[in-house]
N, C-alpha and C. Protein backbone atom coordinates (compact mmCIF):
# COMPACT_ATOMS: atom_id res chain seq x y z
N MET A 1 34.69 -18.25 95.52
CA MET A 1 33.47 -17.57 95.89
C MET A 1 33.73 -16.57 97.02
N LEU A 2 34.65 -16.86 97.90
CA LEU A 2 34.93 -15.96 99.01
C LEU A 2 35.56 -14.65 98.55
N ASP A 3 36.15 -14.64 97.35
CA ASP A 3 36.76 -13.42 96.85
C ASP A 3 35.71 -12.37 96.49
N GLU A 4 34.48 -12.79 96.24
CA GLU A 4 33.43 -11.89 95.81
C GLU A 4 32.69 -11.21 96.96
N ILE A 5 32.88 -11.69 98.20
CA ILE A 5 32.19 -11.11 99.35
C ILE A 5 33.21 -10.63 100.37
N ASP A 6 32.75 -9.78 101.27
CA ASP A 6 33.65 -9.24 102.30
C ASP A 6 32.95 -9.28 103.66
N PRO A 7 32.85 -10.48 104.27
CA PRO A 7 32.16 -10.57 105.57
C PRO A 7 33.06 -10.08 106.71
N GLU A 8 32.44 -9.71 107.82
CA GLU A 8 33.20 -9.34 109.01
C GLU A 8 33.63 -10.59 109.76
N VAL A 9 32.74 -11.61 109.76
CA VAL A 9 32.98 -12.84 110.51
C VAL A 9 32.70 -14.03 109.60
N PHE A 10 33.52 -15.06 109.71
CA PHE A 10 33.34 -16.30 108.96
C PHE A 10 33.04 -17.40 109.97
N ILE A 11 31.79 -17.88 109.99
CA ILE A 11 31.38 -18.93 110.92
C ILE A 11 31.28 -20.22 110.15
N ALA A 12 31.97 -21.26 110.61
CA ALA A 12 31.95 -22.53 109.88
C ALA A 12 32.18 -23.69 110.83
N HIS A 13 31.84 -24.88 110.35
CA HIS A 13 32.05 -26.14 111.06
C HIS A 13 33.55 -26.44 111.10
N LYS A 14 33.97 -27.28 112.02
CA LYS A 14 35.40 -27.58 112.14
C LYS A 14 35.97 -28.31 110.94
N ALA A 15 35.12 -28.79 110.04
CA ALA A 15 35.61 -29.39 108.80
C ALA A 15 36.33 -28.35 107.95
N TYR A 16 36.04 -27.07 108.16
CA TYR A 16 36.68 -25.99 107.41
C TYR A 16 37.96 -25.50 108.09
N ASP A 17 38.44 -26.22 109.08
CA ASP A 17 39.68 -25.86 109.77
C ASP A 17 40.86 -26.32 108.93
N ALA A 18 41.11 -25.60 107.85
CA ALA A 18 42.20 -25.93 106.93
C ALA A 18 43.14 -24.73 106.84
N GLY A 19 44.43 -25.01 106.87
CA GLY A 19 45.44 -23.96 106.86
C GLY A 19 45.29 -22.94 105.76
N PRO A 20 45.21 -23.35 104.49
CA PRO A 20 45.12 -22.35 103.42
C PRO A 20 43.90 -21.44 103.52
N LEU A 21 42.75 -21.99 103.88
CA LEU A 21 41.55 -21.18 104.03
C LEU A 21 41.70 -20.19 105.17
N ILE A 22 42.21 -20.66 106.28
CA ILE A 22 42.37 -19.80 107.45
C ILE A 22 43.36 -18.67 107.17
N GLU A 23 44.47 -19.00 106.51
CA GLU A 23 45.46 -17.98 106.17
C GLU A 23 44.86 -16.91 105.26
N LYS A 24 44.10 -17.35 104.26
CA LYS A 24 43.50 -16.41 103.31
C LYS A 24 42.52 -15.47 104.02
N LEU A 25 41.71 -16.02 104.92
CA LEU A 25 40.74 -15.19 105.64
C LEU A 25 41.43 -14.24 106.61
N GLU A 26 42.49 -14.70 107.26
CA GLU A 26 43.22 -13.83 108.19
C GLU A 26 43.91 -12.70 107.45
N GLU A 27 44.43 -12.96 106.25
CA GLU A 27 45.05 -11.91 105.44
C GLU A 27 44.05 -10.80 105.12
N ARG A 28 42.81 -11.17 104.90
CA ARG A 28 41.78 -10.20 104.57
C ARG A 28 41.19 -9.53 105.80
N GLY A 29 41.59 -9.94 107.00
CA GLY A 29 41.11 -9.32 108.24
C GLY A 29 39.72 -9.78 108.65
N ILE A 30 39.35 -10.97 108.23
CA ILE A 30 38.04 -11.52 108.57
C ILE A 30 38.17 -12.33 109.85
N ALA A 31 37.29 -12.05 110.81
CA ALA A 31 37.31 -12.78 112.09
C ALA A 31 36.84 -14.21 111.86
N LEU A 32 37.56 -15.17 112.42
CA LEU A 32 37.25 -16.58 112.24
C LEU A 32 36.52 -17.14 113.45
N VAL A 33 35.46 -17.86 113.18
CA VAL A 33 34.75 -18.58 114.24
C VAL A 33 34.62 -20.01 113.73
N ILE A 34 35.74 -20.73 113.80
CA ILE A 34 35.81 -22.11 113.35
C ILE A 34 36.48 -22.91 114.47
N PRO A 35 35.78 -23.86 115.07
CA PRO A 35 36.42 -24.68 116.09
C PRO A 35 37.58 -25.47 115.49
N SER A 36 38.62 -25.67 116.28
CA SER A 36 39.78 -26.42 115.81
C SER A 36 39.48 -27.91 115.79
N LYS A 37 40.08 -28.60 114.83
CA LYS A 37 39.97 -30.05 114.79
C LYS A 37 40.72 -30.63 115.97
N LYS A 38 40.39 -31.86 116.36
CA LYS A 38 41.05 -32.49 117.50
C LYS A 38 42.53 -32.72 117.26
N ASN A 39 42.92 -32.93 116.00
CA ASN A 39 44.31 -33.25 115.71
C ASN A 39 45.19 -32.01 115.52
N ARG A 40 44.66 -30.81 115.70
CA ARG A 40 45.46 -29.59 115.55
C ARG A 40 46.39 -29.47 116.75
N ILE A 41 47.65 -29.24 116.48
CA ILE A 41 48.66 -29.16 117.55
C ILE A 41 48.43 -27.94 118.43
N PHE A 42 48.19 -26.79 117.80
CA PHE A 42 47.94 -25.57 118.55
C PHE A 42 46.51 -25.09 118.26
N PRO A 43 45.55 -25.53 119.09
CA PRO A 43 44.15 -25.15 118.82
C PRO A 43 43.93 -23.64 118.95
N ARG A 44 43.08 -23.11 118.08
CA ARG A 44 42.72 -21.70 118.14
C ARG A 44 41.58 -21.53 119.12
N LYS A 45 41.47 -20.35 119.69
CA LYS A 45 40.34 -20.04 120.55
C LYS A 45 39.14 -19.71 119.68
N THR A 46 37.98 -20.18 120.09
CA THR A 46 36.76 -19.98 119.33
C THR A 46 35.74 -19.27 120.20
N ARG A 47 35.06 -18.28 119.64
CA ARG A 47 34.00 -17.58 120.37
C ARG A 47 32.71 -18.36 120.17
N PHE A 48 32.42 -19.26 121.10
CA PHE A 48 31.27 -20.13 120.97
C PHE A 48 29.94 -19.38 121.09
N SER A 49 29.95 -18.18 121.67
CA SER A 49 28.71 -17.39 121.71
C SER A 49 28.26 -17.03 120.29
N ILE A 50 29.21 -16.80 119.40
CA ILE A 50 28.90 -16.52 117.99
C ILE A 50 28.65 -17.83 117.26
N TYR A 51 29.43 -18.86 117.56
CA TYR A 51 29.30 -20.14 116.87
C TYR A 51 27.92 -20.76 117.04
N LYS A 52 27.28 -20.51 118.18
CA LYS A 52 25.95 -21.05 118.44
C LYS A 52 24.92 -20.52 117.45
N LYS A 53 25.15 -19.33 116.91
CA LYS A 53 24.22 -18.72 115.96
C LYS A 53 24.22 -19.45 114.62
N ARG A 54 25.24 -20.24 114.37
CA ARG A 54 25.32 -21.03 113.14
C ARG A 54 24.13 -21.98 113.04
N ASN A 55 23.65 -22.45 114.17
CA ASN A 55 22.50 -23.35 114.23
C ASN A 55 21.25 -22.70 113.63
N ILE A 56 21.06 -21.42 113.86
CA ILE A 56 19.90 -20.71 113.32
C ILE A 56 19.93 -20.73 111.79
N ILE A 57 21.09 -20.50 111.23
CA ILE A 57 21.25 -20.49 109.78
C ILE A 57 21.02 -21.88 109.21
N GLU A 58 21.55 -22.89 109.85
CA GLU A 58 21.37 -24.27 109.36
C GLU A 58 19.90 -24.68 109.41
N ARG A 59 19.19 -24.30 110.45
CA ARG A 59 17.77 -24.64 110.53
C ARG A 59 16.97 -23.90 109.47
N PHE A 60 17.36 -22.67 109.16
CA PHE A 60 16.69 -21.92 108.10
C PHE A 60 16.84 -22.63 106.76
N PHE A 61 18.06 -23.05 106.41
CA PHE A 61 18.27 -23.74 105.15
C PHE A 61 17.56 -25.09 105.12
N ALA A 62 17.48 -25.77 106.23
CA ALA A 62 16.76 -27.04 106.29
C ALA A 62 15.27 -26.80 106.02
N THR A 63 14.72 -25.73 106.57
CA THR A 63 13.32 -25.40 106.31
C THR A 63 13.12 -24.97 104.86
N LEU A 64 14.06 -24.21 104.33
CA LEU A 64 13.99 -23.74 102.95
C LEU A 64 13.98 -24.92 101.98
N LYS A 65 14.75 -25.95 102.28
CA LYS A 65 14.83 -27.12 101.40
C LYS A 65 13.56 -27.96 101.42
N GLN A 66 12.68 -27.73 102.38
CA GLN A 66 11.42 -28.47 102.42
C GLN A 66 10.48 -28.05 101.31
N PHE A 67 10.71 -26.89 100.72
CA PHE A 67 9.90 -26.43 99.60
C PHE A 67 10.45 -27.04 98.32
N ARG A 68 9.67 -27.90 97.70
CA ARG A 68 10.12 -28.72 96.59
C ARG A 68 10.66 -27.91 95.41
N GLY A 69 10.03 -26.80 95.12
CA GLY A 69 10.47 -25.99 93.99
C GLY A 69 11.86 -25.43 94.18
N ILE A 70 12.24 -25.20 95.41
CA ILE A 70 13.58 -24.68 95.70
C ILE A 70 14.58 -25.82 95.80
N ALA A 71 14.18 -26.90 96.45
CA ALA A 71 15.09 -28.04 96.62
C ALA A 71 15.50 -28.64 95.27
N THR A 72 14.57 -28.67 94.33
CA THR A 72 14.87 -29.26 93.02
C THR A 72 15.17 -28.20 91.97
N ARG A 73 15.07 -26.94 92.34
CA ARG A 73 15.32 -25.79 91.47
C ARG A 73 14.54 -25.90 90.17
N TYR A 74 13.21 -25.84 90.31
CA TYR A 74 12.35 -25.86 89.13
C TYR A 74 12.57 -24.63 88.26
N GLY A 75 12.77 -23.49 88.89
CA GLY A 75 13.00 -22.26 88.12
C GLY A 75 14.37 -22.30 87.47
N LYS A 76 14.41 -22.34 86.17
CA LYS A 76 15.69 -22.46 85.46
C LYS A 76 16.43 -21.14 85.39
N LEU A 77 15.69 -20.04 85.38
CA LEU A 77 16.34 -18.74 85.34
C LEU A 77 16.80 -18.33 86.74
N LYS A 78 17.93 -17.67 86.79
CA LYS A 78 18.48 -17.23 88.07
C LYS A 78 17.50 -16.29 88.78
N SER A 79 16.90 -15.37 88.03
CA SER A 79 15.98 -14.39 88.62
C SER A 79 14.73 -15.07 89.19
N THR A 80 14.24 -16.10 88.51
CA THR A 80 13.07 -16.83 88.99
C THR A 80 13.39 -17.59 90.27
N PHE A 81 14.55 -18.23 90.29
CA PHE A 81 14.97 -18.99 91.47
C PHE A 81 15.15 -18.07 92.68
N ILE A 82 15.81 -16.95 92.47
CA ILE A 82 16.03 -16.00 93.58
C ILE A 82 14.70 -15.45 94.08
N ALA A 83 13.78 -15.17 93.17
CA ALA A 83 12.46 -14.68 93.58
C ALA A 83 11.74 -15.73 94.43
N ALA A 84 11.84 -17.00 94.04
CA ALA A 84 11.21 -18.08 94.82
C ALA A 84 11.84 -18.18 96.20
N VAL A 85 13.15 -18.08 96.27
CA VAL A 85 13.85 -18.13 97.57
C VAL A 85 13.42 -16.96 98.44
N GLN A 86 13.30 -15.78 97.86
CA GLN A 86 12.88 -14.61 98.63
C GLN A 86 11.44 -14.76 99.13
N LEU A 87 10.57 -15.28 98.28
CA LEU A 87 9.17 -15.47 98.68
C LEU A 87 9.07 -16.49 99.83
N VAL A 88 9.75 -17.61 99.69
CA VAL A 88 9.71 -18.64 100.72
C VAL A 88 10.36 -18.13 102.00
N SER A 89 11.42 -17.34 101.87
CA SER A 89 12.08 -16.77 103.05
C SER A 89 11.13 -15.86 103.81
N ALA A 90 10.33 -15.10 103.07
CA ALA A 90 9.35 -14.22 103.71
C ALA A 90 8.28 -15.06 104.43
N VAL A 91 7.88 -16.17 103.82
CA VAL A 91 6.88 -17.03 104.44
C VAL A 91 7.46 -17.67 105.71
N ILE A 92 8.68 -18.13 105.64
CA ILE A 92 9.34 -18.75 106.80
C ILE A 92 9.51 -17.72 107.90
N GLY A 93 9.97 -16.53 107.54
CA GLY A 93 10.21 -15.47 108.52
C GLY A 93 8.94 -14.99 109.20
N GLY A 94 7.79 -15.17 108.55
CA GLY A 94 6.53 -14.73 109.11
C GLY A 94 5.99 -15.64 110.19
N ASN A 95 6.56 -16.85 110.29
CA ASN A 95 6.07 -17.82 111.29
C ASN A 95 6.60 -17.53 112.65
């Protein structure tokens, strides 16, 4: 899935601190914001000012999942599901 997008920054939980993923992202020139696991011999520096913004995204998805039609994906068509997500996102953003 990462091959289809080209982000400037990759923000993730320390569970994603895996060598192959990190190497692939560094090859593509994507900035990493992934805290190092405790068992890493040479920990990487992490920009925690950016990492804190991950919380905003997680809270958004938690709120999005509260809408039953999206959580259970009642819309079987891709276009219907995306439209529902966009509508609910607009409702959430308006609060």
